Amino acid sequence: MYLVVFLSYTAIVQKGKLKYIALCPELDVASQGNTIEQAIKNLKEAVELYIEEFI
């Protein structure tokens, strides 16, 4: 039997000098990308890896 849980987190995206920086303040996890979309995609992956550490 599997339990599926959907969680929602905040993503704050800021333009840096060369790249976009994405931050999840609830988990204190950050990532970056060349575009806003890439920064958010990378942040999602970083959050997933962060959460997996606790499972």
C-alpha atoms as a PDB file:
ATOM      1  CA  MET A   1       0.000   0.000   0.000  1.00  0.00           C
ATOM      2  CA  TYR A   2       1.264   3.458  -0.897  1.00  0.00           C
ATOM      3  CA  LEU A   3       0.467   6.809   0.632  1.00  0.00           C
ATOM      4  CA  VAL A   4       0.604   9.737  -1.767  1.00  0.00           C
ATOM      5  CA  VAL A   5       1.136  13.173  -0.263  1.00  0.00           C
ATOM      6  CA  PHE A   6       1.117  16.404  -2.241  1.00  0.00           C
ATOM      7  CA  LEU A   7       3.011  19.299  -0.744  1.00  0.00           C
ATOM      8  CA  SER A   8       3.151  22.905  -1.855  1.00  0.00           C
ATOM      9  CA  TYR A   9       6.101  25.235  -1.348  1.00  0.00           C
ATOM     10  CA  THR A  10       6.949  28.815  -2.233  1.00  0.00           C
ATOM     11  CA  ALA A  11       9.395  29.603  -5.036  1.00  0.00           C
ATOM     12  CA  ILE A  12      10.988  33.049  -5.103  1.00  0.00           C
ATOM     13  CA  VAL A  13      12.866  33.831  -8.310  1.00  0.00           C
ATOM     14  CA  GLN A  14      15.261  36.764  -8.643  1.00  0.00           C
ATOM     15  CA  LYS A  15      17.439  37.849 -11.521  1.00  0.00           C
ATOM     16  CA  GLY A  16      21.112  37.707 -10.617  1.00  0.00           C
ATOM     17  CA  LYS A  17      23.944  39.236 -12.623  1.00  0.00           C
ATOM     18  CA  LEU A  18      24.265  36.226 -14.929  1.00  0.00           C
ATOM     19  CA  LYS A  19      21.475  33.796 -14.007  1.00  0.00           C
ATOM     20  CA  TYR A  20      18.095  33.532 -12.320  1.00  0.00           C
ATOM     21  CA  ILE A  21      18.168  32.365  -8.710  1.00  0.00           C
ATOM     22  CA  ALA A  22      15.245  30.375  -7.287  1.00  0.00           C
ATOM     23  CA  LEU A  23      14.744  29.962  -3.541  1.00  0.00           C
ATOM     24  CA  CYS A  24      12.356  27.831  -1.481  1.00  0.00           C
ATOM     25  CA  PRO A  25      12.337  29.722   1.840  1.00  0.00           C
ATOM     26  CA  GLU A  26      10.426  27.050   3.770  1.00  0.00           C
ATOM     27  CA  LEU A  27      13.238  24.537   3.227  1.00  0.00           C
ATOM     28  CA  ASP A  28      16.124  26.976   2.697  1.00  0.00           C
ATOM     29  CA  VAL A  29      16.899  25.321  -0.643  1.00  0.00           C
ATOM     30  CA  ALA A  30      18.123  27.302  -3.657  1.00  0.00           C
ATOM     31  CA  SER A  31      19.044  26.677  -7.268  1.00  0.00           C
ATOM     32  CA  GLN A  32      19.742  28.643 -10.436  1.00  0.00           C
ATOM     33  CA  GLY A  33      19.206  28.599 -14.181  1.00  0.00           C
ATOM     34  CA  ASN A  34      19.708  30.604 -17.350  1.00  0.00           C
ATOM     35  CA  THR A  35      15.943  31.254 -17.592  1.00  0.00           C
ATOM     36  CA  ILE A  36      13.159  31.578 -15.036  1.00  0.00           C
ATOM     37  CA  GLU A  37      11.740  28.254 -16.195  1.00  0.00           C
ATOM     38  CA  GLN A  38      15.100  26.500 -15.858  1.00  0.00           C
ATOM     39  CA  ALA A  39      15.668  27.979 -12.385  1.00  0.00           C
ATOM     40  CA  ILE A  40      12.247  26.725 -11.233  1.00  0.00           C
ATOM     41  CA  LYS A  41      12.827  23.288 -12.793  1.00  0.00           C
ATOM     42  CA  ASN A  42      16.198  23.036 -11.046  1.00  0.00           C
ATOM     43  CA  LEU A  43      14.632  24.177  -7.762  1.00  0.00           C
ATOM     44  CA  LYS A  44      11.953  21.472  -8.005  1.00  0.00           C
ATOM     45  CA  GLU A  45      14.673  18.861  -8.457  1.00  0.00           C
ATOM     46  CA  ALA A  46      16.677  20.265  -5.530  1.00  0.00           C
ATOM     47  CA  VAL A  47      13.587  20.235  -3.279  1.00  0.00           C
ATOM     48  CA  GLU A  48      12.801  16.630  -4.254  1.00  0.00           C
ATOM     49  CA  LEU A  49      16.343  15.555  -3.400  1.00  0.00           C
ATOM     50  CA  TYR A  50      16.214  17.479  -0.121  1.00  0.00           C
ATOM     51  CA  ILE A  51      12.938  15.819   0.902  1.00  0.00           C
ATOM     52  CA  GLU A  52      14.173  12.351  -0.125  1.00  0.00           C
ATOM     53  CA  GLU A  53      16.956  12.695   2.462  1.00  0.00           C
ATOM     54  CA  PHE A  54      14.309  12.570   5.196  1.00  0.00           C
ATOM     55  CA  ILE A  55      12.326   9.585   3.913  1.00  0.00           C
END
